[in-house]
C-alpha atoms as a PDB file:
ATOM      1  CA  MET A   1    -198.648 -30.482 -49.633  1.00  0.00           C
ATOM      2  CA  ILE A   2    -199.605 -26.903 -48.820  1.00  0.00           C
ATOM      3  CA  LEU A   3    -198.317 -24.103 -51.034  1.00  0.00           C
ATOM      4  CA  ASP A   4    -198.386 -20.363 -50.654  1.00  0.00           C
ATOM      5  CA  ALA A   5    -199.896 -18.596 -53.658  1.00  0.00           C
ATOM      6  CA  GLY A   6    -196.493 -17.126 -54.554  1.00  0.00           C
ATOM      7  CA  ILE A   7    -194.908 -20.523 -55.212  1.00  0.00           C
ATOM      8  CA  ALA A   8    -197.975 -22.138 -56.801  1.00  0.00           C
ATOM      9  CA  THR A   9    -197.031 -21.423 -60.405  1.00  0.00           C
ATOM     10  CA  GLU A  10    -198.712 -23.335 -63.213  1.00  0.00           C
ATOM     11  CA  GLU A  11    -195.445 -25.216 -63.736  1.00  0.00           C
ATOM     12  CA  ASN A  12    -195.269 -26.253 -60.068  1.00  0.00           C
ATOM     13  CA  ILE A  13    -198.936 -27.306 -60.001  1.00  0.00           C
ATOM     14  CA  GLU A  14    -198.477 -29.386 -63.163  1.00  0.00           C
ATOM     15  CA  TRP A  15    -195.465 -31.097 -61.564  1.00  0.00           C
ATOM     16  CA  LEU A  16    -197.510 -31.932 -58.475  1.00  0.00           C
ATOM     17  CA  LYS A  17    -200.310 -33.378 -60.603  1.00  0.00           C
ATOM     18  CA  LYS A  18    -197.900 -35.361 -62.786  1.00  0.00           C
ATOM     19  CA  ASN A  19    -196.285 -36.871 -59.687  1.00  0.00           C
ATOM     20  CA  GLN A  20    -199.695 -37.545 -58.094  1.00  0.00           C
ATOM     21  CA  TYR A  21    -199.270 -35.232 -55.123  1.00  0.00           C
ATOM     22  CA  ARG A  22    -202.358 -33.953 -53.395  1.00  0.00           C
ATOM     23  CA  TYR A  23    -202.008 -30.253 -52.748  1.00  0.00           C
ATOM     24  CA  LEU A  24    -203.654 -27.209 -51.239  1.00  0.00           C
ATOM     25  CA  VAL A  25    -202.870 -23.667 -52.372  1.00  0.00           C
ATOM     26  CA  VAL A  26    -203.442 -20.724 -50.067  1.00  0.00           C
ATOM     27  CA  SER A  27    -204.960 -17.803 -51.940  1.00  0.00           C
ATOM     28  CA  ARG A  28    -205.134 -14.205 -50.839  1.00  0.00           C
ATOM     29  CA  LYS A  29    -207.798 -13.053 -53.265  1.00  0.00           C
ATOM     30  CA  ARG A  30    -209.166  -9.637 -52.506  1.00  0.00           C
ATOM     31  CA  HIS A  31    -212.621 -10.642 -53.727  1.00  0.00           C
ATOM     32  CA  ARG A  32    -214.057 -13.092 -51.232  1.00  0.00           C
ATOM     33  CA  GLU A  33    -217.013 -15.238 -52.145  1.00  0.00           C
ATOM     34  CA  PHE A  34    -217.995 -16.365 -48.668  1.00  0.00           C
ATOM     35  CA  SER A  35    -221.655 -17.289 -48.348  1.00  0.00           C
ATOM     36  CA  ALA A  36    -223.026 -17.664 -44.829  1.00  0.00           C
ATOM     37  CA  ASP A  37    -225.996 -19.628 -46.236  1.00  0.00           C
ATOM     38  CA  LYS A  38    -223.717 -22.355 -47.591  1.00  0.00           C
ATOM     39  CA  ALA A  39    -221.302 -22.385 -44.658  1.00  0.00           C
ATOM     40  CA  VAL A  40    -220.950 -25.050 -41.996  1.00  0.00           C
ATOM     41  CA  GLU A  41    -219.766 -24.151 -38.523  1.00  0.00           C
ATOM     42  CA  VAL A  42    -216.640 -26.192 -37.830  1.00  0.00           C
ATOM     43  CA  LYS A  43    -215.507 -24.646 -34.567  1.00  0.00           C
ATOM     44  CA  GLU A  44    -217.048 -22.471 -31.902  1.00  0.00           C
ATOM     45  CA  GLU A  45    -215.019 -21.098 -29.046  1.00  0.00           C
ATOM     46  CA  LYS A  46    -215.654 -18.411 -26.464  1.00  0.00           C
ATOM     47  CA  ASP A  47    -213.653 -15.866 -28.474  1.00  0.00           C
ATOM     48  CA  TYR A  48    -214.497 -16.819 -32.068  1.00  0.00           C
ATOM     49  CA  THR A  49    -216.499 -18.960 -34.493  1.00  0.00           C
ATOM     50  CA  VAL A  50    -215.121 -20.570 -37.659  1.00  0.00           C
ATOM     51  CA  LYS A  51    -217.410 -21.313 -40.627  1.00  0.00           C
ATOM     52  CA  VAL A  52    -216.352 -23.010 -43.868  1.00  0.00           C
ATOM     53  CA  TYR A  53    -217.932 -23.922 -47.170  1.00  0.00           C
ATOM     54  CA  LYS A  54    -216.718 -25.879 -50.178  1.00  0.00           C
ATOM     55  CA  THR A  55    -217.499 -25.274 -53.835  1.00  0.00           C
ATOM     56  CA  ARG A  56    -216.136 -26.355 -57.208  1.00  0.00           C
ATOM     57  CA  ASN A  57    -214.846 -23.721 -59.605  1.00  0.00           C
ATOM     58  CA  GLU A  58    -216.767 -24.344 -62.841  1.00  0.00           C
ATOM     59  CA  GLU A  59    -213.985 -22.867 -65.012  1.00  0.00           C
ATOM     60  CA  THR A  60    -211.019 -24.770 -63.545  1.00  0.00           C
ATOM     61  CA  GLY A  61    -212.683 -27.786 -61.930  1.00  0.00           C
ATOM     62  CA  GLU A  62    -210.752 -27.043 -58.746  1.00  0.00           C
ATOM     63  CA  VAL A  63    -212.301 -27.415 -55.312  1.00  0.00           C
ATOM     64  CA  GLU A  64    -212.308 -24.137 -53.380  1.00  0.00           C
ATOM     65  CA  LEU A  65    -212.673 -23.793 -49.624  1.00  0.00           C
ATOM     66  CA  TYR A  66    -213.798 -20.501 -48.144  1.00  0.00           C
ATOM     67  CA  PHE A  67    -213.694 -19.746 -44.451  1.00  0.00           C
ATOM     68  CA  ASN A  68    -214.751 -16.980 -42.134  1.00  0.00           C
ATOM     69  CA  ILE A  69    -213.649 -16.313 -38.573  1.00  0.00           C
ATOM     70  CA  ARG A  70    -215.887 -14.091 -36.477  1.00  0.00           C
ATOM     71  CA  LYS A  71    -215.324 -12.659 -33.049  1.00  0.00           C
ATOM     72  CA  PRO A  72    -218.506 -11.973 -31.092  1.00  0.00           C
ATOM     73  CA  ARG A  73    -219.307  -8.301 -30.606  1.00  0.00           C
ATOM     74  CA  PRO A  74    -219.764  -6.957 -27.089  1.00  0.00           C
ATOM     75  CA  LEU A  75    -223.426  -6.943 -26.065  1.00  0.00           C
ATOM     76  CA  GLY A  76    -223.457  -3.170 -25.523  1.00  0.00           C
ATOM     77  CA  VAL A  77    -222.388  -2.539 -29.114  1.00  0.00           C
ATOM     78  CA  VAL A  78    -225.146  -4.789 -30.443  1.00  0.00           C
ATOM     79  CA  ARG A  79    -227.750  -3.069 -28.234  1.00  0.00           C
ATOM     80  CA  VAL A  80    -226.756   0.433 -29.385  1.00  0.00           C
ATOM     81  CA  GLN A  81    -226.788  -0.638 -33.031  1.00  0.00           C
ATOM     82  CA  ARG A  82    -230.257  -2.140 -32.710  1.00  0.00           C
ATOM     83  CA  LEU A  83    -231.602   0.963 -31.000  1.00  0.00           C
ATOM     84  CA  SER A  84    -230.109   3.189 -33.679  1.00  0.00           C
ATOM     85  CA  GLN A  85    -231.712   1.041 -36.380  1.00  0.00           C
ATOM     86  CA  LEU A  86    -235.091   1.686 -34.749  1.00  0.00           C
ATOM     87  CA  ASN A  87    -234.393   5.463 -34.539  1.00  0.00           C
ATOM     88  CA  ILE A  88    -234.786   5.332 -30.758  1.00  0.00           C
ATOM     89  CA  ASN A  89    -232.741   7.582 -28.511  1.00  0.00           C
ATOM     90  CA  SER A  90    -230.654   5.286 -26.314  1.00  0.00           C
ATOM     91  CA  SER A  91    -230.367   7.755 -23.396  1.00  0.00           C
END
């Protein structure tokens, strides 16, 4: 069962556990803890790449999945950024 964070009250989660339902809660936390070092690429397409990593919350014992979707930047943007990092005039 997949629940939106708004309906995933403690009471509802306890009911799911009591009735032995497996569940996933979607969270919209502002503070993201995505770590590219721990991530595994699960999908790569022409327009985007999806990376995911799994961790266990030490306080709650819950498994947390974090994901990141990246769109590739145009080559020209990358080139200009690299030149500016080197303090080289790109013209």
